[in-house]
Amino acid sequence: MYDGKTFQSTANSDNGQVSSATIFHYHQQDRIVWAEYAGGSIVRGTLIATVRDDNSLDMRYQHVDTEGKLMTGQCDSKPETLNDGRLRMHEKWQWTSGDGSKGESTIEEVKS
């Protein structure tokens, strides 16, 4: 379901670091999903997730930002299939580094 898909951020809480300049490249093998991401204030990031029965993702992420800080967090990501067949992911996340604050974001599949 996720393998080979590319996503771009379309919305994020003010306390998040992902922006519309951030691009995610997803991979999947069985019930494991992983991705690399970068762009905007994120120099390099990775995430790993397990796929639940409803195709939502139980995710952990880590990245280094442009200030050189290592940031980590956890995320619950729920898929929505758009009319054109692309995926939109609705995410509720929390930092496990820094201030531990929570937020919400949305990413959408980019068709090449």
N, C-alpha and C. Protein backbone atom coordinates (compact mmCIF):
# COMPACT_ATOMS: atom_id res chain seq x y z
N MET A 1 0.81 -1.21 0.00
CA MET A 1 0.00 0.00 0.00
C MET A 1 0.86 1.27 0.00
N TYR A 2 2.00 1.25 0.70
CA TYR A 2 2.83 2.45 0.85
C TYR A 2 4.12 2.42 0.02
N ASP A 3 4.52 1.24 -0.43
CA ASP A 3 5.82 1.10 -1.08
C ASP A 3 5.93 1.94 -2.34
N GLY A 4 7.01 2.72 -2.43
CA GLY A 4 7.28 3.53 -3.60
C GLY A 4 6.53 4.84 -3.67
N LYS A 5 5.75 5.17 -2.65
CA LYS A 5 4.97 6.41 -2.66
C LYS A 5 5.81 7.58 -2.14
N THR A 6 5.55 8.75 -2.69
CA THR A 6 6.18 9.99 -2.25
C THR A 6 5.10 10.90 -1.69
N PHE A 7 5.38 11.51 -0.55
CA PHE A 7 4.42 12.38 0.12
C PHE A 7 5.03 13.76 0.35
N GLN A 8 4.16 14.77 0.43
CA GLN A 8 4.56 16.14 0.73
C GLN A 8 3.61 16.68 1.79
N SER A 9 4.15 17.45 2.71
CA SER A 9 3.34 18.03 3.77
C SER A 9 2.40 19.09 3.20
N THR A 10 1.13 19.07 3.68
CA THR A 10 0.17 20.10 3.28
C THR A 10 -0.31 20.93 4.46
N ALA A 11 -0.09 20.45 5.69
CA ALA A 11 -0.49 21.19 6.89
C ALA A 11 0.28 20.64 8.08
N ASN A 12 0.57 21.53 9.05
CA ASN A 12 1.26 21.09 10.27
C ASN A 12 1.00 22.10 11.38
N SER A 13 0.99 21.61 12.61
CA SER A 13 0.89 22.49 13.77
C SER A 13 2.10 23.40 13.85
N ASP A 14 1.96 24.54 14.50
CA ASP A 14 3.04 25.52 14.60
C ASP A 14 4.29 24.97 15.27
N ASN A 15 4.14 24.00 16.17
CA ASN A 15 5.28 23.44 16.89
C ASN A 15 5.99 22.32 16.12
N GLY A 16 5.54 22.04 14.90
CA GLY A 16 6.18 21.02 14.06
C GLY A 16 7.26 21.62 13.20
N GLN A 17 8.12 20.77 12.65
CA GLN A 17 9.21 21.22 11.79
C GLN A 17 9.01 20.87 10.33
N VAL A 18 8.10 19.97 10.04
CA VAL A 18 7.81 19.59 8.66
C VAL A 18 7.05 20.73 7.99
N SER A 19 7.40 21.02 6.73
CA SER A 19 6.73 22.07 5.96
C SER A 19 6.43 21.55 4.55
N SER A 20 5.86 22.41 3.71
CA SER A 20 5.56 22.01 2.33
C SER A 20 6.83 21.70 1.54
N ALA A 21 7.98 22.11 2.05
CA ALA A 21 9.27 21.81 1.41
C ALA A 21 9.79 20.43 1.78
N THR A 22 9.12 19.75 2.72
CA THR A 22 9.57 18.44 3.18
C THR A 22 8.96 17.34 2.32
N ILE A 23 9.81 16.47 1.78
CA ILE A 23 9.38 15.37 0.93
C ILE A 23 9.74 14.05 1.61
N PHE A 24 8.78 13.11 1.61
CA PHE A 24 8.93 11.80 2.22
C PHE A 24 8.92 10.73 1.13
N HIS A 25 9.86 9.78 1.20
CA HIS A 25 9.92 8.65 0.27
C HIS A 25 9.68 7.36 1.06
N TYR A 26 8.54 6.74 0.83
CA TYR A 26 8.09 5.59 1.62
C TYR A 26 8.46 4.27 0.95
N HIS A 27 8.69 3.26 1.80
CA HIS A 27 8.98 1.89 1.39
C HIS A 27 8.16 0.97 2.30
N GLN A 28 7.86 -0.22 1.81
CA GLN A 28 7.11 -1.17 2.63
C GLN A 28 7.52 -2.59 2.31
N GLN A 29 7.65 -3.38 3.37
CA GLN A 29 7.83 -4.82 3.24
C GLN A 29 6.94 -5.46 4.28
N ASP A 30 5.95 -6.22 3.82
CA ASP A 30 4.96 -6.83 4.70
C ASP A 30 4.30 -5.75 5.56
N ARG A 31 4.40 -5.85 6.89
CA ARG A 31 3.74 -4.89 7.77
C ARG A 31 4.71 -3.84 8.34
N ILE A 32 5.85 -3.69 7.69
CA ILE A 32 6.83 -2.69 8.12
C ILE A 32 6.95 -1.62 7.04
N VAL A 33 6.86 -0.36 7.45
CA VAL A 33 7.01 0.78 6.55
C VAL A 33 8.18 1.62 7.07
N TRP A 34 8.99 2.14 6.15
CA TRP A 34 10.04 3.07 6.53
C TRP A 34 10.15 4.14 5.45
N ALA A 35 10.74 5.25 5.82
CA ALA A 35 10.87 6.35 4.87
C ALA A 35 12.07 7.21 5.21
N GLU A 36 12.54 7.90 4.18
CA GLU A 36 13.54 8.96 4.34
C GLU A 36 12.82 10.26 4.02
N TYR A 37 13.20 11.32 4.70
CA TYR A 37 12.60 12.62 4.42
C TYR A 37 13.60 13.74 4.64
N ALA A 38 13.38 14.84 3.92
CA ALA A 38 14.25 16.01 4.01
C ALA A 38 13.53 17.18 3.34
N GLY A 39 14.03 18.38 3.64
CA GLY A 39 13.51 19.59 3.02
C GLY A 39 13.06 20.60 4.04
N GLY A 40 13.14 21.88 3.69
CA GLY A 40 12.78 22.93 4.63
C GLY A 40 13.77 22.96 5.78
N SER A 41 13.27 22.91 7.00
CA SER A 41 14.16 22.97 8.17
C SER A 41 14.72 21.60 8.56
N ILE A 42 14.45 20.58 7.75
CA ILE A 42 14.94 19.23 8.06
C ILE A 42 16.03 18.84 7.07
N VAL A 43 17.23 18.58 7.60
CA VAL A 43 18.36 18.20 6.77
C VAL A 43 18.23 16.75 6.33
N ARG A 44 17.97 15.86 7.27
CA ARG A 44 17.81 14.44 6.96
C ARG A 44 17.00 13.79 8.07
N GLY A 45 16.03 12.96 7.65
CA GLY A 45 15.21 12.26 8.62
C GLY A 45 14.85 10.87 8.15
N THR A 46 14.52 10.02 9.11
CA THR A 46 14.03 8.68 8.82
C THR A 46 12.86 8.38 9.74
N LEU A 47 12.00 7.48 9.28
CA LEU A 47 10.92 7.00 10.14
C LEU A 47 10.76 5.51 9.92
N ILE A 48 10.18 4.85 10.92
CA ILE A 48 9.84 3.45 10.82
C ILE A 48 8.48 3.26 11.47
N ALA A 49 7.69 2.37 10.87
CA ALA A 49 6.32 2.18 11.35
C ALA A 49 5.88 0.75 11.13
N THR A 50 4.88 0.36 11.91
CA THR A 50 4.19 -0.90 11.66
C THR A 50 2.79 -0.56 11.16
N VAL A 51 2.29 -1.43 10.26
CA VAL A 51 0.97 -1.24 9.68
C VAL A 51 -0.05 -2.00 10.51
N ARG A 52 -1.07 -1.29 10.97
CA ARG A 52 -2.16 -1.91 11.72
C ARG A 52 -3.16 -2.55 10.75
N ASP A 53 -4.11 -3.30 11.28
CA ASP A 53 -5.12 -3.97 10.46
C ASP A 53 -5.93 -3.01 9.61
N ASP A 54 -6.12 -1.76 10.07
CA ASP A 54 -6.89 -0.76 9.31
C ASP A 54 -6.00 0.07 8.38
N ASN A 55 -4.75 -0.36 8.17
CA ASN A 55 -3.74 0.30 7.34
C ASN A 55 -3.21 1.60 7.91
N SER A 56 -3.58 1.96 9.14
CA SER A 56 -2.96 3.10 9.80
C SER A 56 -1.55 2.70 10.24
N LEU A 57 -0.73 3.71 10.55
CA LEU A 57 0.67 3.47 10.89
C LEU A 57 0.96 3.88 12.33
N ASP A 58 1.65 3.00 13.05
CA ASP A 58 2.20 3.30 14.36
C ASP A 58 3.67 3.60 14.12
N MET A 59 4.05 4.87 14.23
CA MET A 59 5.31 5.36 13.68
C MET A 59 6.22 5.99 14.75
N ARG A 60 7.52 5.88 14.52
CA ARG A 60 8.54 6.61 15.25
C ARG A 60 9.40 7.33 14.23
N TYR A 61 9.82 8.55 14.55
CA TYR A 61 10.61 9.32 13.59
C TYR A 61 11.77 10.02 14.28
N GLN A 62 12.77 10.34 13.47
CA GLN A 62 13.95 11.06 13.96
C GLN A 62 14.52 11.87 12.80
N HIS A 63 14.99 13.06 13.12
CA HIS A 63 15.64 13.86 12.09
C HIS A 63 16.61 14.86 12.72
N VAL A 64 17.48 15.38 11.87
CA VAL A 64 18.38 16.46 12.25
C VAL A 64 17.90 17.71 11.52
N ASP A 65 17.70 18.80 12.28
CA ASP A 65 17.21 20.03 11.66
C ASP A 65 18.38 20.93 11.25
N THR A 66 18.07 22.04 10.62
CA THR A 66 19.11 22.94 10.09
C THR A 66 19.93 23.61 11.19
N GLU A 67 19.46 23.54 12.44
CA GLU A 67 20.25 24.05 13.57
C GLU A 67 21.16 22.98 14.16
N GLY A 68 21.13 21.77 13.59
CA GLY A 68 21.96 20.67 14.06
C GLY A 68 21.36 19.90 15.21
N LYS A 69 20.08 20.16 15.54
CA LYS A 69 19.43 19.44 16.64
C LYS A 69 18.88 18.11 16.15
N LEU A 70 19.07 17.07 16.97
CA LEU A 70 18.47 15.76 16.72
C LEU A 70 17.11 15.74 17.40
N MET A 71 16.06 15.55 16.61
CA MET A 71 14.69 15.56 17.11
C MET A 71 14.07 14.19 16.90
N THR A 72 13.26 13.74 17.89
CA THR A 72 12.61 12.44 17.80
C THR A 72 11.15 12.57 18.20
N GLY A 73 10.34 11.63 17.71
CA GLY A 73 8.93 11.66 18.07
C GLY A 73 8.20 10.39 17.69
N GLN A 74 6.92 10.37 18.04
CA GLN A 74 6.04 9.26 17.69
C GLN A 74 4.80 9.82 17.02
N CYS A 75 4.18 8.99 16.17
CA CYS A 75 3.08 9.48 15.35
C CYS A 75 2.08 8.37 15.07
N ASP A 76 0.80 8.74 15.07
CA ASP A 76 -0.28 7.87 14.63
C ASP A 76 -0.77 8.46 13.31
N SER A 77 -0.67 7.69 12.23
CA SER A 77 -0.95 8.20 10.90
C SER A 77 -2.06 7.37 10.26
N LYS A 78 -3.18 8.03 9.92
CA LYS A 78 -4.35 7.34 9.36
C LYS A 78 -4.55 7.73 7.90
N PRO A 79 -4.68 6.72 7.00
CA PRO A 79 -4.81 7.00 5.57
C PRO A 79 -6.25 7.35 5.16
N GLU A 80 -6.34 8.22 4.17
CA GLU A 80 -7.60 8.53 3.49
C GLU A 80 -7.31 8.45 2.00
N THR A 81 -8.15 7.73 1.25
CA THR A 81 -7.98 7.66 -0.19
C THR A 81 -8.78 8.78 -0.83
N LEU A 82 -8.10 9.63 -1.58
CA LEU A 82 -8.74 10.76 -2.25
C LEU A 82 -9.45 10.30 -3.53
N ASN A 83 -10.31 11.15 -4.07
CA ASN A 83 -11.08 10.81 -5.27
C ASN A 83 -10.20 10.41 -6.45
N ASP A 84 -9.00 10.99 -6.53
CA ASP A 84 -8.10 10.68 -7.64
C ASP A 84 -7.19 9.48 -7.35
N GLY A 85 -7.42 8.79 -6.21
CA GLY A 85 -6.67 7.59 -5.86
C GLY A 85 -5.43 7.83 -5.02
N ARG A 86 -5.03 9.10 -4.86
CA ARG A 86 -3.88 9.40 -4.02
C ARG A 86 -4.23 9.21 -2.55
N LEU A 87 -3.20 9.02 -1.73
CA LEU A 87 -3.39 8.90 -0.29
C LEU A 87 -3.16 10.24 0.40
N ARG A 88 -3.97 10.52 1.39
CA ARG A 88 -3.77 11.64 2.32
C ARG A 88 -3.63 11.00 3.70
N MET A 89 -2.59 11.38 4.43
CA MET A 89 -2.34 10.82 5.75
C MET A 89 -2.65 11.89 6.81
N HIS A 90 -3.52 11.53 7.75
CA HIS A 90 -3.88 12.41 8.86
C HIS A 90 -3.08 11.95 10.07
N GLU A 91 -2.23 12.84 10.58
CA GLU A 91 -1.25 12.45 11.59
C GLU A 91 -1.43 13.20 12.90
N LYS A 92 -1.36 12.44 13.99
CA LYS A 92 -1.31 13.00 15.34
C LYS A 92 0.03 12.57 15.91
N TRP A 93 0.83 13.55 16.30
CA TRP A 93 2.20 13.24 16.70
C TRP A 93 2.56 13.92 18.02
N GLN A 94 3.67 13.44 18.58
CA GLN A 94 4.21 14.03 19.80
C GLN A 94 5.72 13.92 19.78
N TRP A 95 6.38 15.03 20.14
CA TRP A 95 7.83 15.00 20.28
C TRP A 95 8.21 14.11 21.47
N THR A 96 9.24 13.29 21.30
CA THR A 96 9.82 12.55 22.43
C THR A 96 11.15 13.18 22.81
N SER A 97 11.50 14.25 22.13
CA SER A 97 12.65 15.09 22.49
C SER A 97 12.13 16.52 22.64
N GLY A 98 12.99 17.40 23.09
CA GLY A 98 12.57 18.80 23.24
C GLY A 98 11.48 18.96 24.27
N ASP A 99 10.43 19.69 23.93
CA ASP A 99 9.39 20.03 24.93
C ASP A 99 8.30 18.98 25.08
N GLY A 100 8.33 17.92 24.27
CA GLY A 100 7.34 16.85 24.40
C GLY A 100 5.94 17.25 23.96
N SER A 101 5.82 18.36 23.24
CA SER A 101 4.50 18.84 22.84
C SER A 101 3.89 17.97 21.75
N LYS A 102 2.57 18.12 21.56
CA LYS A 102 1.81 17.35 20.57
C LYS A 102 1.39 18.24 19.42
N GLY A 103 1.06 17.62 18.30
CA GLY A 103 0.58 18.36 17.15
C GLY A 103 -0.14 17.46 16.17
N GLU A 104 -0.62 18.07 15.10
CA GLU A 104 -1.30 17.35 14.03
C GLU A 104 -0.78 17.85 12.69
N SER A 105 -0.69 16.93 11.74
CA SER A 105 -0.22 17.29 10.41
C SER A 105 -0.93 16.46 9.36
N THR A 106 -0.79 16.91 8.12
CA THR A 106 -1.35 16.19 6.98
C THR A 106 -0.29 16.14 5.90
N ILE A 107 -0.13 14.95 5.31
CA ILE A 107 0.73 14.81 4.14
C ILE A 107 -0.10 14.18 3.04
N GLU A 108 0.23 14.51 1.79
CA GLU A 108 -0.50 13.95 0.65
C GLU A 108 0.48 13.35 -0.34
N GLU A 109 0.02 12.28 -0.97
CA GLU A 109 0.82 11.60 -1.98
C GLU A 109 1.04 12.53 -3.18
N VAL A 110 2.27 12.52 -3.68
CA VAL A 110 2.63 13.29 -4.86
C VAL A 110 2.76 12.31 -6.01
N LYS A 111 2.02 12.52 -7.07
CA LYS A 111 2.14 11.67 -8.26
C LYS A 111 3.24 12.21 -9.14
N SER A 112 4.10 11.31 -9.62
CA SER A 112 5.20 11.76 -10.48
C SER A 112 4.81 11.76 -11.94
